């Protein structure tokens, strides 16, 4: 039996719990939005890692491919970060791997398995932290194990509806304009520093963006 670890959207946070599940894998596949070159190097010390470039992967990651076709243990695999940008013919592939949405999704389409392992890095609102392990038998048959990880970082007090989410984003935007540090913004708005940092980053890197715009970027379809 062979094992291939499948992760995506780590966004500069490579958790110990993820590493524990990846130890012992023959290969690792990363669906993009790695953000940290050091994290990619770390993954390659665990097992040979194949990765595609995500929308936040800049500079050092320019050499990463936008798409990747590989064959491992007889399984033809196609990888892309944002499935909406798929333009290539994947009819000969057994497994399509993508990311971007941070939402775990697994579906069979005719003879193909399409898999988004979700995010196992930065937690986005109430979405769980997930990854996958691809188990391959010697005869080439395979199955996917979904892994839901514990979130040991402080959780945000989760908004219960769209208005509450927007109120939090607007408050963080105002505090960012006042040049308050992330730790203070998180404490005053009763959210995790992780979430406060994510909102601040989107606000500062997208001049003129609205609260709705930030919300859409945090929760892409």
N, C-alpha and C. Protein backbone atom coordinates (compact mmCIF):
# COMPACT_ATOMS: atom_id res chain seq x y z
N UNK A 1 0.85 -1.20 0.00
CA UNK A 1 0.00 0.00 0.00
C UNK A 1 0.88 1.25 0.00
N UNK A 2 0.57 2.17 -0.89
CA UNK A 2 1.29 3.44 -0.97
C UNK A 2 0.41 4.57 -0.44
N UNK A 3 1.07 5.64 0.04
CA UNK A 3 0.32 6.78 0.56
C UNK A 3 0.85 8.07 -0.06
N UNK A 4 -0.10 8.93 -0.46
CA UNK A 4 0.25 10.24 -1.00
C UNK A 4 -0.54 11.29 -0.21
N UNK A 5 0.16 12.20 0.41
CA UNK A 5 -0.50 13.27 1.16
C UNK A 5 -0.96 14.37 0.22
N UNK A 6 -2.17 14.86 0.42
CA UNK A 6 -2.73 15.90 -0.45
C UNK A 6 -3.19 17.07 0.43
N UNK A 7 -2.59 18.23 0.22
CA UNK A 7 -2.93 19.42 1.00
C UNK A 7 -3.05 20.62 0.08
N UNK A 8 -3.58 21.72 0.60
CA UNK A 8 -3.68 22.95 -0.18
C UNK A 8 -3.87 24.13 0.77
N UNK A 9 -3.63 25.32 0.24
CA UNK A 9 -3.94 26.57 0.94
C UNK A 9 -3.41 26.61 2.37
N UNK A 10 -2.12 26.36 2.51
CA UNK A 10 -1.51 26.43 3.84
C UNK A 10 -1.20 27.87 4.24
N UNK A 11 -1.00 28.76 3.26
CA UNK A 11 -0.86 30.20 3.51
C UNK A 11 0.19 30.53 4.58
N UNK A 12 1.33 29.86 4.51
CA UNK A 12 2.41 30.18 5.42
C UNK A 12 2.29 29.55 6.79
N UNK A 13 1.32 28.67 6.98
CA UNK A 13 1.14 28.00 8.27
C UNK A 13 1.14 26.49 8.05
N UNK A 14 2.27 25.86 8.35
CA UNK A 14 2.40 24.41 8.23
C UNK A 14 2.29 23.82 9.63
N UNK A 15 1.13 23.30 9.93
CA UNK A 15 0.83 22.84 11.29
C UNK A 15 1.53 21.53 11.62
N UNK A 16 1.85 21.35 12.92
CA UNK A 16 2.47 20.11 13.37
C UNK A 16 1.55 18.92 13.10
N UNK A 17 0.25 19.12 13.24
CA UNK A 17 -0.69 18.01 13.02
C UNK A 17 -0.69 17.58 11.56
N UNK A 18 -0.47 18.53 10.65
CA UNK A 18 -0.37 18.19 9.22
C UNK A 18 0.89 17.38 8.97
N UNK A 19 1.99 17.82 9.54
CA UNK A 19 3.26 17.11 9.37
C UNK A 19 3.15 15.68 9.90
N UNK A 20 2.46 15.51 11.01
CA UNK A 20 2.28 14.17 11.57
C UNK A 20 1.59 13.24 10.59
N UNK A 21 0.56 13.74 9.91
CA UNK A 21 -0.16 12.91 8.94
C UNK A 21 0.65 12.68 7.66
N UNK A 22 1.53 13.62 7.34
CA UNK A 22 2.33 13.48 6.12
C UNK A 22 3.52 12.56 6.30
N UNK A 23 3.99 12.43 7.53
CA UNK A 23 5.12 11.53 7.79
C UNK A 23 4.74 10.11 7.36
N UNK A 24 5.60 9.50 6.59
CA UNK A 24 5.32 8.15 6.11
C UNK A 24 4.71 8.11 4.72
N UNK A 25 4.36 9.28 4.17
CA UNK A 25 3.82 9.33 2.82
C UNK A 25 4.96 9.18 1.80
N UNK A 26 4.64 8.57 0.67
CA UNK A 26 5.63 8.41 -0.40
C UNK A 26 5.82 9.71 -1.19
N UNK A 27 4.74 10.45 -1.35
CA UNK A 27 4.77 11.74 -2.04
C UNK A 27 3.80 12.69 -1.34
N UNK A 28 3.98 14.00 -1.63
CA UNK A 28 3.05 15.03 -1.14
C UNK A 28 2.63 15.87 -2.34
N UNK A 29 1.34 16.18 -2.43
CA UNK A 29 0.81 17.05 -3.46
C UNK A 29 0.23 18.28 -2.79
N UNK A 30 0.61 19.46 -3.27
CA UNK A 30 0.12 20.72 -2.70
C UNK A 30 -0.62 21.50 -3.78
N UNK A 31 -1.88 21.87 -3.49
CA UNK A 31 -2.73 22.53 -4.46
C UNK A 31 -2.58 24.03 -4.56
N UNK A 32 -1.51 24.59 -4.00
CA UNK A 32 -1.24 26.01 -4.17
C UNK A 32 -1.64 26.89 -3.00
N UNK A 33 -1.23 28.16 -3.07
CA UNK A 33 -1.30 29.10 -1.95
C UNK A 33 -0.46 28.58 -0.79
N UNK A 34 0.79 28.36 -1.11
CA UNK A 34 1.77 27.90 -0.11
C UNK A 34 2.25 29.09 0.71
N UNK A 35 2.58 30.15 -0.03
CA UNK A 35 3.02 31.45 0.50
C UNK A 35 4.45 31.42 1.03
N UNK A 36 4.86 30.32 1.65
CA UNK A 36 6.18 30.28 2.29
C UNK A 36 7.09 29.29 1.57
N UNK A 37 8.21 29.80 1.05
CA UNK A 37 9.21 28.92 0.42
C UNK A 37 9.77 27.94 1.44
N UNK A 38 9.92 28.41 2.68
CA UNK A 38 10.44 27.54 3.74
C UNK A 38 9.51 26.35 3.97
N UNK A 39 8.21 26.59 3.88
CA UNK A 39 7.25 25.49 4.07
C UNK A 39 7.39 24.45 2.96
N UNK A 40 7.59 24.90 1.74
CA UNK A 40 7.76 23.97 0.63
C UNK A 40 9.03 23.15 0.81
N UNK A 41 10.09 23.80 1.25
CA UNK A 41 11.33 23.08 1.52
C UNK A 41 11.14 22.06 2.64
N UNK A 42 10.38 22.44 3.66
CA UNK A 42 10.10 21.53 4.76
C UNK A 42 9.33 20.31 4.27
N UNK A 43 8.33 20.54 3.42
CA UNK A 43 7.55 19.42 2.87
C UNK A 43 8.44 18.46 2.10
N UNK A 44 9.40 19.00 1.37
CA UNK A 44 10.29 18.15 0.58
C UNK A 44 11.25 17.34 1.43
N UNK A 45 11.45 17.73 2.68
CA UNK A 45 12.25 16.90 3.59
C UNK A 45 11.44 15.71 4.10
N UNK A 46 10.12 15.82 4.04
CA UNK A 46 9.25 14.72 4.47
C UNK A 46 9.07 13.72 3.35
N UNK A 47 8.79 14.22 2.15
CA UNK A 47 8.64 13.39 0.95
C UNK A 47 8.73 14.30 -0.26
N UNK A 48 9.07 13.74 -1.39
CA UNK A 48 9.11 14.55 -2.62
C UNK A 48 7.75 15.19 -2.83
N UNK A 49 7.78 16.51 -3.03
CA UNK A 49 6.54 17.28 -3.08
C UNK A 49 6.32 17.88 -4.47
N UNK A 50 5.12 17.70 -4.99
CA UNK A 50 4.71 18.33 -6.23
C UNK A 50 3.71 19.43 -5.87
N UNK A 51 3.93 20.64 -6.39
CA UNK A 51 3.07 21.77 -6.02
C UNK A 51 2.77 22.62 -7.24
N UNK A 52 1.59 23.22 -7.24
CA UNK A 52 1.24 24.21 -8.26
C UNK A 52 1.17 25.58 -7.60
N UNK A 53 1.27 26.61 -8.43
CA UNK A 53 1.29 27.99 -7.94
C UNK A 53 -0.11 28.50 -7.68
N UNK A 54 -0.32 29.07 -6.50
CA UNK A 54 -1.60 29.66 -6.15
C UNK A 54 -1.57 31.17 -6.35
N UNK A 55 -2.69 31.82 -6.12
CA UNK A 55 -2.78 33.26 -6.38
C UNK A 55 -1.98 34.10 -5.39
N UNK A 56 -1.61 33.55 -4.23
CA UNK A 56 -0.79 34.32 -3.29
C UNK A 56 0.69 33.95 -3.39
N UNK A 57 1.02 33.03 -4.26
CA UNK A 57 2.41 32.59 -4.42
C UNK A 57 3.12 33.50 -5.41
N UNK A 58 3.96 34.39 -4.90
CA UNK A 58 4.63 35.40 -5.71
C UNK A 58 6.15 35.30 -5.53
N UNK A 59 6.86 35.98 -6.40
CA UNK A 59 8.31 36.08 -6.24
C UNK A 59 8.99 34.72 -6.34
N UNK A 60 9.40 34.18 -5.21
CA UNK A 60 10.10 32.90 -5.18
C UNK A 60 9.31 31.80 -5.89
N UNK A 61 7.97 31.92 -5.92
CA UNK A 61 7.12 30.86 -6.46
C UNK A 61 6.84 31.00 -7.96
N UNK A 62 7.45 32.00 -8.60
CA UNK A 62 7.19 32.22 -10.02
C UNK A 62 7.58 31.02 -10.88
N UNK A 63 8.50 30.22 -10.38
CA UNK A 63 8.94 29.05 -11.14
C UNK A 63 8.02 27.85 -10.95
N UNK A 64 7.09 27.93 -10.00
CA UNK A 64 6.15 26.83 -9.82
C UNK A 64 5.16 26.82 -10.98
N UNK A 65 4.75 25.65 -11.45
CA UNK A 65 3.81 25.60 -12.57
C UNK A 65 2.39 25.96 -12.13
N UNK A 66 1.63 26.54 -13.06
CA UNK A 66 0.23 26.84 -12.78
C UNK A 66 -0.60 25.57 -12.81
N UNK A 67 -0.19 24.63 -13.65
CA UNK A 67 -0.85 23.32 -13.73
C UNK A 67 0.23 22.25 -13.78
N UNK A 68 -0.16 21.03 -13.45
CA UNK A 68 0.82 19.95 -13.40
C UNK A 68 0.14 18.64 -13.76
N UNK A 69 0.78 17.89 -14.63
CA UNK A 69 0.35 16.54 -14.98
C UNK A 69 1.42 15.57 -14.50
N UNK A 70 1.06 14.66 -13.64
CA UNK A 70 2.02 13.67 -13.14
C UNK A 70 1.35 12.30 -13.07
N UNK A 71 2.16 11.27 -13.06
CA UNK A 71 1.68 9.91 -12.89
C UNK A 71 2.42 9.29 -11.72
N UNK A 72 1.69 8.88 -10.71
CA UNK A 72 2.27 8.26 -9.53
C UNK A 72 1.59 6.92 -9.28
N UNK A 73 2.38 5.88 -9.21
CA UNK A 73 1.87 4.53 -8.98
C UNK A 73 0.77 4.16 -9.98
N UNK A 74 0.94 4.64 -11.22
CA UNK A 74 0.00 4.31 -12.27
C UNK A 74 -1.24 5.20 -12.32
N UNK A 75 -1.35 6.17 -11.41
CA UNK A 75 -2.51 7.07 -11.37
C UNK A 75 -2.15 8.36 -12.09
N UNK A 76 -2.94 8.73 -13.07
CA UNK A 76 -2.71 9.97 -13.82
C UNK A 76 -3.40 11.12 -13.07
N UNK A 77 -2.61 12.09 -12.64
CA UNK A 77 -3.09 13.16 -11.77
C UNK A 77 -2.89 14.51 -12.45
N UNK A 78 -3.92 15.35 -12.39
CA UNK A 78 -3.82 16.72 -12.88
C UNK A 78 -4.04 17.66 -11.70
N UNK A 79 -3.20 18.70 -11.60
CA UNK A 79 -3.29 19.64 -10.49
C UNK A 79 -3.41 21.07 -11.00
N UNK A 80 -4.26 21.85 -10.35
CA UNK A 80 -4.44 23.27 -10.63
C UNK A 80 -4.95 23.93 -9.35
N UNK A 81 -4.62 25.20 -9.13
CA UNK A 81 -5.08 25.84 -7.89
C UNK A 81 -6.55 26.21 -7.95
N UNK A 82 -6.91 27.01 -8.95
CA UNK A 82 -8.29 27.49 -9.07
C UNK A 82 -8.97 26.72 -10.20
N UNK A 83 -9.91 25.87 -9.86
CA UNK A 83 -10.56 25.02 -10.85
C UNK A 83 -11.32 25.84 -11.90
N UNK A 84 -11.70 27.07 -11.56
CA UNK A 84 -12.40 27.91 -12.52
C UNK A 84 -11.50 28.33 -13.67
N UNK A 85 -10.20 28.17 -13.50
CA UNK A 85 -9.25 28.54 -14.55
C UNK A 85 -8.84 27.34 -15.40
N UNK A 86 -9.49 26.23 -15.19
CA UNK A 86 -9.16 25.03 -15.95
C UNK A 86 -9.47 25.21 -17.42
N UNK A 87 -8.46 25.07 -18.25
CA UNK A 87 -8.64 25.21 -19.70
C UNK A 87 -8.08 24.01 -20.45
N UNK A 88 -7.36 23.15 -19.76
CA UNK A 88 -6.72 22.01 -20.41
C UNK A 88 -7.66 20.81 -20.47
N UNK A 89 -7.36 19.92 -21.40
CA UNK A 89 -8.10 18.67 -21.54
C UNK A 89 -7.61 17.69 -20.49
N UNK A 90 -8.47 17.31 -19.58
CA UNK A 90 -8.08 16.38 -18.51
C UNK A 90 -8.75 15.02 -18.68
N UNK A 91 -9.23 14.75 -19.88
CA UNK A 91 -10.00 13.52 -20.10
C UNK A 91 -9.21 12.25 -19.81
N UNK A 92 -7.87 12.32 -19.92
CA UNK A 92 -7.08 11.13 -19.68
C UNK A 92 -6.62 10.97 -18.25
N UNK A 93 -7.09 11.84 -17.36
CA UNK A 93 -6.64 11.81 -15.96
C UNK A 93 -7.59 11.02 -15.08
N UNK A 94 -7.02 10.42 -14.05
CA UNK A 94 -7.82 9.67 -13.07
C UNK A 94 -8.25 10.55 -11.90
N UNK A 95 -7.41 11.52 -11.57
CA UNK A 95 -7.63 12.33 -10.37
C UNK A 95 -7.33 13.80 -10.67
N UNK A 96 -8.29 14.67 -10.38
CA UNK A 96 -8.12 16.11 -10.53
C UNK A 96 -8.03 16.72 -9.14
N UNK A 97 -6.93 17.42 -8.86
CA UNK A 97 -6.72 18.02 -7.55
C UNK A 97 -6.66 19.54 -7.70
N UNK A 98 -7.39 20.25 -6.85
CA UNK A 98 -7.40 21.72 -6.89
C UNK A 98 -7.59 22.26 -5.48
N UNK A 99 -7.60 23.59 -5.34
CA UNK A 99 -7.74 24.21 -4.02
C UNK A 99 -8.52 25.51 -4.13
N UNK A 100 -7.99 26.57 -3.49
CA UNK A 100 -8.46 27.95 -3.56
C UNK A 100 -9.65 28.28 -2.66
N UNK A 101 -10.67 27.45 -2.62
CA UNK A 101 -11.89 27.81 -1.89
C UNK A 101 -11.78 27.54 -0.39
N UNK A 102 -10.78 26.74 0.03
CA UNK A 102 -10.62 26.31 1.43
C UNK A 102 -11.74 25.35 1.85
N UNK A 103 -12.54 24.90 0.92
CA UNK A 103 -13.68 24.03 1.23
C UNK A 103 -13.43 22.63 0.68
N UNK A 104 -13.48 21.63 1.56
CA UNK A 104 -13.27 20.25 1.12
C UNK A 104 -14.40 19.83 0.19
N UNK A 105 -14.01 19.22 -0.93
CA UNK A 105 -15.00 18.72 -1.87
C UNK A 105 -14.44 17.50 -2.59
N UNK A 106 -15.22 16.47 -2.65
CA UNK A 106 -14.82 15.24 -3.34
C UNK A 106 -16.01 14.73 -4.13
N UNK A 107 -15.82 14.57 -5.43
CA UNK A 107 -16.92 14.11 -6.27
C UNK A 107 -16.42 13.27 -7.43
N UNK A 108 -17.21 12.28 -7.77
CA UNK A 108 -16.90 11.42 -8.89
C UNK A 108 -17.58 11.96 -10.14
N UNK A 109 -16.80 12.19 -11.20
CA UNK A 109 -17.35 12.65 -12.47
C UNK A 109 -16.97 11.63 -13.53
N UNK A 110 -17.91 10.75 -13.85
CA UNK A 110 -17.67 9.63 -14.78
C UNK A 110 -16.52 8.80 -14.22
N UNK A 111 -15.41 8.72 -14.95
CA UNK A 111 -14.30 7.89 -14.49
C UNK A 111 -13.25 8.67 -13.72
N UNK A 112 -13.54 9.93 -13.42
CA UNK A 112 -12.57 10.77 -12.73
C UNK A 112 -13.02 11.12 -11.32
N UNK A 113 -12.04 11.23 -10.44
CA UNK A 113 -12.29 11.73 -9.09
C UNK A 113 -11.76 13.15 -9.01
N UNK A 114 -12.61 14.10 -8.61
CA UNK A 114 -12.23 15.50 -8.44
C UNK A 114 -12.14 15.77 -6.95
N UNK A 115 -11.01 16.35 -6.52
CA UNK A 115 -10.77 16.52 -5.08
C UNK A 115 -10.21 17.89 -4.76
N UNK A 116 -10.87 18.57 -3.86
CA UNK A 116 -10.32 19.76 -3.20
C UNK A 116 -10.11 19.36 -1.74
N UNK A 117 -8.84 19.26 -1.29
CA UNK A 117 -8.59 18.80 0.08
C UNK A 117 -8.94 19.83 1.15
N UNK A 118 -9.37 21.04 0.73
CA UNK A 118 -9.65 22.10 1.69
C UNK A 118 -8.36 22.76 2.15
N UNK A 119 -8.43 23.49 3.22
CA UNK A 119 -7.26 24.17 3.76
C UNK A 119 -6.85 23.56 5.09
N UNK A 120 -5.54 23.37 5.26
CA UNK A 120 -5.04 22.89 6.55
C UNK A 120 -4.06 23.91 7.13
N UNK A 121 -4.14 25.15 6.62
CA UNK A 121 -3.30 26.22 7.14
C UNK A 121 -4.12 27.22 7.92
N UNK A 122 -4.30 28.41 7.35
CA UNK A 122 -5.12 29.42 8.02
C UNK A 122 -6.59 29.02 7.97
N UNK A 123 -7.23 29.10 9.12
CA UNK A 123 -8.65 28.75 9.20
C UNK A 123 -9.50 29.92 8.75
N UNK A 124 -10.48 29.64 7.90
CA UNK A 124 -11.35 30.69 7.37
C UNK A 124 -12.72 30.59 8.01
N UNK A 125 -13.03 31.54 8.88
CA UNK A 125 -14.31 31.56 9.59
C UNK A 125 -14.61 30.17 10.17
N UNK A 126 -15.77 29.59 9.86
CA UNK A 126 -16.16 28.33 10.48
C UNK A 126 -15.74 27.10 9.68
N UNK A 127 -15.03 27.30 8.57
CA UNK A 127 -14.63 26.15 7.77
C UNK A 127 -13.65 25.27 8.53
N UNK A 128 -13.82 23.96 8.48
CA UNK A 128 -12.90 23.06 9.17
C UNK A 128 -11.54 23.01 8.49
N UNK A 129 -10.55 22.57 9.22
CA UNK A 129 -9.21 22.36 8.68
C UNK A 129 -9.15 20.93 8.16
N UNK A 130 -8.87 20.77 6.87
CA UNK A 130 -8.92 19.44 6.28
C UNK A 130 -7.73 19.18 5.36
N UNK A 131 -7.47 17.91 5.12
CA UNK A 131 -6.47 17.44 4.16
C UNK A 131 -6.88 16.03 3.76
N UNK A 132 -6.11 15.43 2.87
CA UNK A 132 -6.46 14.09 2.40
C UNK A 132 -5.21 13.22 2.31
N UNK A 133 -5.44 11.93 2.40
CA UNK A 133 -4.41 10.95 2.11
C UNK A 133 -4.94 10.05 0.99
N UNK A 134 -4.17 9.93 -0.07
CA UNK A 134 -4.51 9.03 -1.17
C UNK A 134 -3.84 7.69 -0.91
N UNK A 135 -4.64 6.65 -0.75
CA UNK A 135 -4.13 5.30 -0.52
C UNK A 135 -4.18 4.53 -1.83
N UNK A 136 -3.06 3.96 -2.24
CA UNK A 136 -2.97 3.26 -3.51
C UNK A 136 -2.53 1.82 -3.27
N UNK A 137 -3.32 0.89 -3.76
CA UNK A 137 -2.97 -0.53 -3.66
C UNK A 137 -2.00 -0.90 -4.78
N UNK A 138 -1.37 -2.04 -4.62
CA UNK A 138 -0.41 -2.49 -5.62
C UNK A 138 -1.04 -2.74 -6.98
N UNK A 139 -2.34 -3.02 -6.99
CA UNK A 139 -3.02 -3.25 -8.28
C UNK A 139 -3.47 -1.95 -8.95
N UNK A 140 -3.15 -0.79 -8.33
CA UNK A 140 -3.49 0.50 -8.92
C UNK A 140 -4.80 1.09 -8.46
N UNK A 141 -5.60 0.33 -7.75
CA UNK A 141 -6.85 0.89 -7.23
C UNK A 141 -6.51 1.82 -6.06
N UNK A 142 -7.35 2.83 -5.87
CA UNK A 142 -7.03 3.82 -4.84
C UNK A 142 -8.31 4.34 -4.19
N UNK A 143 -8.13 4.92 -3.02
CA UNK A 143 -9.24 5.57 -2.32
C UNK A 143 -8.70 6.75 -1.52
N UNK A 144 -9.60 7.69 -1.23
CA UNK A 144 -9.24 8.93 -0.55
C UNK A 144 -9.69 8.88 0.91
N UNK A 145 -8.77 9.21 1.80
CA UNK A 145 -9.10 9.35 3.23
C UNK A 145 -9.16 10.85 3.56
N UNK A 146 -10.33 11.31 3.98
CA UNK A 146 -10.47 12.69 4.41
C UNK A 146 -10.04 12.81 5.86
N UNK A 147 -9.22 13.81 6.15
CA UNK A 147 -8.75 14.05 7.51
C UNK A 147 -9.19 15.44 7.96
N UNK A 148 -9.91 15.49 9.06
CA UNK A 148 -10.29 16.76 9.65
C UNK A 148 -9.40 17.00 10.86
N UNK A 149 -8.72 18.13 10.87
CA UNK A 149 -7.70 18.41 11.87
C UNK A 149 -8.27 19.22 13.02
N UNK A 150 -7.72 19.03 14.21
CA UNK A 150 -8.12 19.90 15.32
C UNK A 150 -7.55 21.28 15.12
N UNK A 151 -8.31 22.29 15.49
CA UNK A 151 -7.83 23.67 15.40
C UNK A 151 -7.38 24.10 16.78
N UNK A 152 -6.08 24.08 17.01
CA UNK A 152 -5.55 24.38 18.33
C UNK A 152 -5.23 25.86 18.52
N UNK A 153 -5.38 26.65 17.43
CA UNK A 153 -5.19 28.09 17.60
C UNK A 153 -6.50 28.69 18.08
N UNK A 154 -6.46 29.84 18.76
CA UNK A 154 -7.70 30.42 19.27
C UNK A 154 -8.69 30.69 18.15
N UNK A 155 -9.92 30.22 18.33
CA UNK A 155 -10.96 30.43 17.32
C UNK A 155 -11.54 31.83 17.40
N UNK A 156 -12.01 32.30 16.27
CA UNK A 156 -12.80 33.51 16.28
C UNK A 156 -14.15 33.24 16.92
N UNK A 157 -14.74 34.25 17.51
CA UNK A 157 -16.14 34.16 17.89
C UNK A 157 -16.93 34.26 16.60
N UNK A 158 -17.44 33.17 16.12
CA UNK A 158 -17.94 33.10 14.76
C UNK A 158 -19.21 33.93 14.57
N UNK A 159 -19.23 34.77 13.55
CA UNK A 159 -20.45 35.50 13.24
C UNK A 159 -21.55 34.53 12.85
N UNK A 160 -22.79 34.87 13.18
CA UNK A 160 -23.88 33.95 12.92
C UNK A 160 -24.59 34.26 11.61
N UNK A 161 -24.36 35.41 11.03
CA UNK A 161 -24.98 35.71 9.75
C UNK A 161 -24.10 36.68 8.97
N UNK A 162 -24.51 36.96 7.74
CA UNK A 162 -23.71 37.79 6.84
C UNK A 162 -23.49 39.19 7.40
N UNK A 163 -24.51 39.76 8.04
CA UNK A 163 -24.37 41.11 8.58
C UNK A 163 -23.31 41.15 9.67
N UNK A 164 -23.31 40.15 10.57
CA UNK A 164 -22.33 40.11 11.63
C UNK A 164 -20.91 39.99 11.08
N UNK A 165 -20.74 39.18 10.03
CA UNK A 165 -19.43 39.03 9.42
C UNK A 165 -18.96 40.37 8.86
N UNK A 166 -19.84 41.05 8.14
CA UNK A 166 -19.49 42.35 7.57
C UNK A 166 -19.17 43.37 8.65
N UNK A 167 -19.91 43.33 9.77
CA UNK A 167 -19.64 44.26 10.87
C UNK A 167 -18.22 44.07 11.41
N UNK A 168 -17.81 42.82 11.52
CA UNK A 168 -16.46 42.54 12.00
C UNK A 168 -15.43 43.07 11.01
N UNK A 169 -15.65 42.81 9.73
CA UNK A 169 -14.71 43.28 8.71
C UNK A 169 -14.61 44.80 8.72
N UNK A 170 -15.76 45.48 8.81
CA UNK A 170 -15.76 46.95 8.85
C UNK A 170 -15.01 47.47 10.07
N UNK A 171 -15.20 46.81 11.21
CA UNK A 171 -14.51 47.23 12.43
C UNK A 171 -13.00 47.06 12.29
N UNK A 172 -12.58 45.96 11.70
CA UNK A 172 -11.15 45.71 11.49
C UNK A 172 -10.58 46.74 10.51
N UNK A 173 -11.36 47.07 9.47
CA UNK A 173 -10.91 48.09 8.51
C UNK A 173 -10.70 49.43 9.20
N UNK A 174 -11.64 49.81 10.07
CA UNK A 174 -11.50 51.08 10.79
C UNK A 174 -10.27 51.07 11.70
N UNK A 175 -10.08 49.97 12.40
CA UNK A 175 -8.94 49.88 13.31
C UNK A 175 -7.62 49.87 12.55
N UNK A 176 -7.63 49.26 11.36
CA UNK A 176 -6.42 49.25 10.53
C UNK A 176 -6.08 50.67 10.09
N UNK A 177 -7.10 51.45 9.72
CA UNK A 177 -6.88 52.85 9.33
C UNK A 177 -6.28 53.66 10.48
N UNK A 178 -6.60 53.26 11.71
CA UNK A 178 -6.06 53.93 12.89
C UNK A 178 -4.67 53.43 13.26
N UNK A 179 -4.16 52.49 12.42
CA UNK A 179 -2.82 51.93 12.58
C UNK A 179 -2.65 51.16 13.90
N UNK A 180 -3.72 50.56 14.35
CA UNK A 180 -3.63 49.72 15.55
C UNK A 180 -2.94 48.40 15.21
N UNK A 181 -2.17 47.83 16.12
CA UNK A 181 -1.52 46.54 15.86
C UNK A 181 -2.55 45.41 15.79
N UNK A 182 -2.19 44.35 15.08
CA UNK A 182 -3.11 43.23 14.87
C UNK A 182 -3.58 42.64 16.19
N UNK A 183 -2.67 42.50 17.14
CA UNK A 183 -3.05 41.91 18.42
C UNK A 183 -4.15 42.72 19.12
N UNK A 184 -4.02 44.03 19.05
CA UNK A 184 -5.03 44.89 19.67
C UNK A 184 -6.36 44.82 18.90
N UNK A 185 -6.28 44.79 17.57
CA UNK A 185 -7.49 44.67 16.75
C UNK A 185 -8.22 43.37 17.08
N UNK A 186 -7.48 42.30 17.20
CA UNK A 186 -8.09 40.99 17.51
C UNK A 186 -8.75 41.02 18.87
N UNK A 187 -8.07 41.58 19.86
CA UNK A 187 -8.60 41.61 21.22
C UNK A 187 -9.86 42.46 21.30
N UNK A 188 -9.85 43.63 20.67
CA UNK A 188 -10.99 44.54 20.75
C UNK A 188 -12.21 44.02 20.02
N UNK A 189 -11.98 43.21 18.97
CA UNK A 189 -13.11 42.69 18.19
C UNK A 189 -13.46 41.25 18.53
N UNK A 190 -12.78 40.73 19.55
CA UNK A 190 -13.05 39.38 20.05
C UNK A 190 -12.93 38.32 18.95
N UNK A 191 -11.85 38.43 18.18
CA UNK A 191 -11.56 37.45 17.14
C UNK A 191 -10.11 37.01 17.30
N UNK A 192 -9.73 35.96 16.58
CA UNK A 192 -8.36 35.47 16.66
C UNK A 192 -7.42 36.42 15.92
N UNK A 193 -6.16 36.44 16.31
CA UNK A 193 -5.16 37.24 15.59
C UNK A 193 -5.03 36.74 14.15
N UNK A 194 -5.22 35.45 13.97
CA UNK A 194 -5.16 34.86 12.63
C UNK A 194 -6.19 35.50 11.70
N UNK A 195 -7.43 35.62 12.19
CA UNK A 195 -8.49 36.21 11.38
C UNK A 195 -8.27 37.71 11.19
N UNK A 196 -7.87 38.39 12.27
CA UNK A 196 -7.61 39.83 12.16
C UNK A 196 -6.50 40.11 11.15
N UNK A 197 -5.45 39.29 11.16
CA UNK A 197 -4.34 39.46 10.24
C UNK A 197 -4.79 39.24 8.80
N UNK A 198 -5.65 38.26 8.59
CA UNK A 198 -6.13 37.97 7.24
C UNK A 198 -6.95 39.15 6.68
N UNK A 199 -7.84 39.70 7.51
CA UNK A 199 -8.65 40.84 7.06
C UNK A 199 -7.77 42.05 6.80
N UNK A 200 -6.84 42.33 7.70
CA UNK A 200 -5.92 43.47 7.53
C UNK A 200 -5.13 43.33 6.23
N UNK A 201 -4.63 42.12 5.98
CA UNK A 201 -3.82 41.91 4.78
C UNK A 201 -4.64 42.18 3.52
N UNK A 202 -5.86 41.66 3.47
CA UNK A 202 -6.70 41.86 2.30
C UNK A 202 -7.06 43.34 2.12
N UNK A 203 -7.28 44.02 3.23
CA UNK A 203 -7.63 45.44 3.17
C UNK A 203 -6.46 46.27 2.65
N UNK A 204 -5.26 45.96 3.13
CA UNK A 204 -4.09 46.76 2.77
C UNK A 204 -3.56 46.44 1.38
N UNK A 205 -3.77 45.22 0.92
CA UNK A 205 -3.24 44.82 -0.39
C UNK A 205 -4.23 45.01 -1.53
N UNK A 206 -5.45 45.44 -1.21
CA UNK A 206 -6.46 45.71 -2.23
C UNK A 206 -7.06 47.10 -1.99
N UNK A 207 -6.32 48.15 -2.35
CA UNK A 207 -6.79 49.52 -2.08
C UNK A 207 -8.20 49.76 -2.63
N UNK A 208 -9.04 50.38 -1.79
CA UNK A 208 -10.40 50.69 -2.21
C UNK A 208 -11.38 49.56 -2.06
N UNK A 209 -10.92 48.39 -1.58
CA UNK A 209 -11.81 47.25 -1.45
C UNK A 209 -12.88 47.51 -0.38
N UNK A 210 -14.08 47.02 -0.60
CA UNK A 210 -15.17 47.17 0.37
C UNK A 210 -15.21 45.96 1.30
N UNK A 211 -16.07 46.04 2.31
CA UNK A 211 -16.24 44.91 3.21
C UNK A 211 -16.77 43.71 2.44
N UNK A 212 -17.69 43.94 1.51
CA UNK A 212 -18.20 42.85 0.68
C UNK A 212 -17.09 42.24 -0.16
N UNK A 213 -16.20 43.11 -0.67
CA UNK A 213 -15.09 42.61 -1.47
C UNK A 213 -14.16 41.73 -0.66
N UNK A 214 -13.87 42.14 0.58
CA UNK A 214 -13.03 41.32 1.45
C UNK A 214 -13.71 40.00 1.76
N UNK A 215 -15.01 40.05 2.03
CA UNK A 215 -15.75 38.84 2.35
C UNK A 215 -15.70 37.87 1.17
N UNK A 216 -15.84 38.39 -0.03
CA UNK A 216 -15.81 37.53 -1.21
C UNK A 216 -14.44 36.90 -1.40
N UNK A 217 -13.39 37.65 -1.10
CA UNK A 217 -12.04 37.11 -1.24
C UNK A 217 -11.75 36.06 -0.17
N UNK A 218 -12.36 36.20 0.99
CA UNK A 218 -12.15 35.22 2.05
C UNK A 218 -12.97 33.96 1.84
N UNK A 219 -14.05 34.09 1.10
CA UNK A 219 -14.93 32.95 0.86
C UNK A 219 -15.24 32.83 -0.62
N UNK A 220 -14.21 32.54 -1.47
CA UNK A 220 -14.48 32.40 -2.90
C UNK A 220 -15.32 31.16 -3.15
N UNK A 221 -16.11 31.16 -4.23
CA UNK A 221 -16.92 30.00 -4.59
C UNK A 221 -16.03 28.83 -4.97
